[in-house]
Amino acid sequence: MLAVVEQVSSLSQTLASVRSMEQKYYTERAQLEKAVLKVPESRMLQLELLTSEEGWWIEAERAWRVLIRCSLLAYTMLARNMDRLKEPAGKSSSAALYYQ
């Protein structure tokens, strides 16, 4: 059961890193858009915004794949260990019902 908890914990750390990447995207995107709004005639800023956007779409696709992989791993791990999680070793069946 400890292995299952450790595995889920590592998956939650992975999901937190995906979330921080998303926050970084929004921060950088807002800064670039603010710069473009200040100087709308600047072709260089518009090009930088487009280039940044293309790079972030690649990162977003990778992040979605990580999220899908984490979801599948968590489902598989919990499905395989559901009996052990419902009824831990050394517990009576009445105590196991309490943890459900």
C-alpha atoms as a PDB file:
ATOM      1  CA  MET A   1       0.000   0.000   0.000  1.00  0.00           C
ATOM      2  CA  LEU A   2       2.937   2.310   0.687  1.00  0.00           C
ATOM      3  CA  ALA A   3       4.114   1.820  -2.893  1.00  0.00           C
ATOM      4  CA  VAL A   4       0.724   2.937  -4.197  1.00  0.00           C
ATOM      5  CA  VAL A   5       0.824   6.073  -2.045  1.00  0.00           C
ATOM      6  CA  GLU A   6       4.369   6.881  -3.195  1.00  0.00           C
ATOM      7  CA  GLN A   7       3.401   6.361  -6.829  1.00  0.00           C
ATOM      8  CA  VAL A   8       0.362   8.635  -6.559  1.00  0.00           C
ATOM      9  CA  SER A   9       2.519  11.226  -4.805  1.00  0.00           C
ATOM     10  CA  SER A  10       5.042  11.223  -7.643  1.00  0.00           C
ATOM     11  CA  LEU A  11       2.208  11.586 -10.149  1.00  0.00           C
ATOM     12  CA  SER A  12       0.836  14.563  -8.230  1.00  0.00           C
ATOM     13  CA  GLN A  13       4.280  16.206  -8.377  1.00  0.00           C
ATOM     14  CA  THR A  14       4.304  15.695 -12.137  1.00  0.00           C
ATOM     15  CA  LEU A  15       0.858  17.268 -12.422  1.00  0.00           C
ATOM     16  CA  ALA A  16       2.024  20.225 -10.315  1.00  0.00           C
ATOM     17  CA  SER A  17       4.912  20.803 -12.713  1.00  0.00           C
ATOM     18  CA  VAL A  18       2.480  20.811 -15.646  1.00  0.00           C
ATOM     19  CA  ARG A  19       0.358  23.355 -13.804  1.00  0.00           C
ATOM     20  CA  SER A  20       3.372  25.598 -13.127  1.00  0.00           C
ATOM     21  CA  MET A  21       4.277  25.425 -16.829  1.00  0.00           C
ATOM     22  CA  GLU A  22       0.759  26.597 -17.656  1.00  0.00           C
ATOM     23  CA  GLN A  23       1.055  29.510 -15.221  1.00  0.00           C
ATOM     24  CA  LYS A  24       4.388  30.470 -16.751  1.00  0.00           C
ATOM     25  CA  TYR A  25       2.769  30.492 -20.195  1.00  0.00           C
ATOM     26  CA  TYR A  26      -0.008  32.843 -19.089  1.00  0.00           C
ATOM     27  CA  THR A  27       2.471  35.187 -17.385  1.00  0.00           C
ATOM     28  CA  GLU A  28       4.766  35.402 -20.399  1.00  0.00           C
ATOM     29  CA  ARG A  29       1.835  35.714 -22.797  1.00  0.00           C
ATOM     30  CA  ALA A  30       0.353  38.591 -20.766  1.00  0.00           C
ATOM     31  CA  GLN A  31       3.695  40.423 -20.733  1.00  0.00           C
ATOM     32  CA  LEU A  32       4.073  40.083 -24.498  1.00  0.00           C
ATOM     33  CA  GLU A  33       0.499  41.179 -25.163  1.00  0.00           C
ATOM     34  CA  LYS A  34       0.962  44.176 -22.895  1.00  0.00           C
ATOM     35  CA  ALA A  35       4.093  45.143 -24.825  1.00  0.00           C
ATOM     36  CA  VAL A  36       2.244  44.765 -28.146  1.00  0.00           C
ATOM     37  CA  LEU A  37      -0.605  46.936 -26.857  1.00  0.00           C
ATOM     38  CA  LYS A  38       1.853  49.653 -25.837  1.00  0.00           C
ATOM     39  CA  VAL A  39       3.516  49.668 -29.261  1.00  0.00           C
ATOM     40  CA  PRO A  40       1.000  48.172 -31.732  1.00  0.00           C
ATOM     41  CA  GLU A  41       3.032  49.188 -34.804  1.00  0.00           C
ATOM     42  CA  SER A  42       6.072  47.168 -33.681  1.00  0.00           C
ATOM     43  CA  ARG A  43       6.399  44.275 -36.109  1.00  0.00           C
ATOM     44  CA  MET A  44       9.184  42.778 -33.986  1.00  0.00           C
ATOM     45  CA  LEU A  45       6.931  42.418 -30.922  1.00  0.00           C
ATOM     46  CA  GLN A  46       4.161  40.861 -33.002  1.00  0.00           C
ATOM     47  CA  LEU A  47       6.623  38.397 -34.490  1.00  0.00           C
ATOM     48  CA  GLU A  48       7.954  37.557 -31.020  1.00  0.00           C
ATOM     49  CA  LEU A  49       4.400  36.920 -29.837  1.00  0.00           C
ATOM     50  CA  LEU A  50       3.734  34.561 -32.750  1.00  0.00           C
ATOM     51  CA  THR A  51       7.030  32.733 -32.277  1.00  0.00           C
ATOM     52  CA  SER A  52       6.407  32.365 -28.571  1.00  0.00           C
ATOM     53  CA  GLU A  53       2.912  31.065 -29.234  1.00  0.00           C
ATOM     54  CA  GLU A  54       4.206  28.351 -31.597  1.00  0.00           C
ATOM     55  CA  GLY A  55       6.732  27.173 -29.010  1.00  0.00           C
ATOM     56  CA  TRP A  56       4.121  27.081 -26.284  1.00  0.00           C
ATOM     57  CA  TRP A  57       1.763  24.983 -28.401  1.00  0.00           C
ATOM     58  CA  ILE A  58       4.472  22.341 -28.659  1.00  0.00           C
ATOM     59  CA  GLU A  59       4.886  22.454 -24.879  1.00  0.00           C
ATOM     60  CA  ALA A  60       1.122  22.294 -24.380  1.00  0.00           C
ATOM     61  CA  GLU A  61       0.926  19.149 -26.501  1.00  0.00           C
ATOM     62  CA  ARG A  62       3.652  17.545 -24.398  1.00  0.00           C
ATOM     63  CA  ALA A  63       1.834  18.582 -21.230  1.00  0.00           C
ATOM     64  CA  TRP A  64      -1.409  16.986 -22.457  1.00  0.00           C
ATOM     65  CA  ARG A  65       0.474  13.772 -23.159  1.00  0.00           C
ATOM     66  CA  VAL A  66       1.936  13.851 -19.647  1.00  0.00           C
ATOM     67  CA  LEU A  67      -1.537  14.380 -18.177  1.00  0.00           C
ATOM     68  CA  ILE A  68      -2.946  11.469 -20.174  1.00  0.00           C
ATOM     69  CA  ARG A  69      -0.053   9.213 -19.175  1.00  0.00           C
ATOM     70  CA  CYS A  70      -0.425  10.149 -15.491  1.00  0.00           C
ATOM     71  CA  SER A  71      -4.158   9.495 -15.617  1.00  0.00           C
ATOM     72  CA  LEU A  72      -3.649   6.084 -17.194  1.00  0.00           C
ATOM     73  CA  LEU A  73      -0.925   5.167 -14.704  1.00  0.00           C
ATOM     74  CA  ALA A  74      -3.048   6.219 -11.734  1.00  0.00           C
ATOM     75  CA  TYR A  75      -6.075   4.315 -13.026  1.00  0.00           C
ATOM     76  CA  THR A  76      -4.050   1.176 -13.723  1.00  0.00           C
ATOM     77  CA  MET A  77      -2.290   1.302 -10.368  1.00  0.00           C
ATOM     78  CA  LEU A  78      -5.482   1.870  -8.404  1.00  0.00           C
ATOM     79  CA  ALA A  79      -7.424  -0.765 -10.360  1.00  0.00           C
ATOM     80  CA  ARG A  80      -4.746  -3.380  -9.732  1.00  0.00           C
ATOM     81  CA  ASN A  81      -4.534  -2.599  -6.029  1.00  0.00           C
ATOM     82  CA  MET A  82      -8.181  -1.841  -5.235  1.00  0.00           C
ATOM     83  CA  ASP A  83      -8.687  -5.027  -3.211  1.00  0.00           C
ATOM     84  CA  ARG A  84      -5.633  -4.270  -1.052  1.00  0.00           C
ATOM     85  CA  LEU A  85      -6.706  -0.665  -0.622  1.00  0.00           C
ATOM     86  CA  LYS A  86     -10.237  -1.605   0.411  1.00  0.00           C
ATOM     87  CA  GLU A  87      -9.089  -4.269   2.833  1.00  0.00           C
ATOM     88  CA  PRO A  88      -5.610  -3.521   4.235  1.00  0.00           C
ATOM     89  CA  ALA A  89      -3.572  -6.397   5.670  1.00  0.00           C
ATOM     90  CA  GLY A  90      -4.086  -6.994   9.385  1.00  0.00           C
ATOM     91  CA  LYS A  91      -7.463  -5.243   9.493  1.00  0.00           C
ATOM     92  CA  SER A  92     -10.723  -6.996  10.121  1.00  0.00           C
ATOM     93  CA  SER A  93     -13.390  -6.746   7.463  1.00  0.00           C
ATOM     94  CA  SER A  94     -15.483  -4.358   9.602  1.00  0.00           C
ATOM     95  CA  ALA A  95     -12.538  -1.982   9.972  1.00  0.00           C
ATOM     96  CA  ALA A  96     -11.873  -2.175   6.214  1.00  0.00           C
ATOM     97  CA  LEU A  97     -15.411  -0.977   5.551  1.00  0.00           C
ATOM     98  CA  TYR A  98     -14.654   2.139   7.606  1.00  0.00           C
ATOM     99  CA  TYR A  99     -11.896   3.165   5.167  1.00  0.00           C
ATOM    100  CA  GLN A 100     -14.043   2.937   2.028  1.00  0.00           C
END
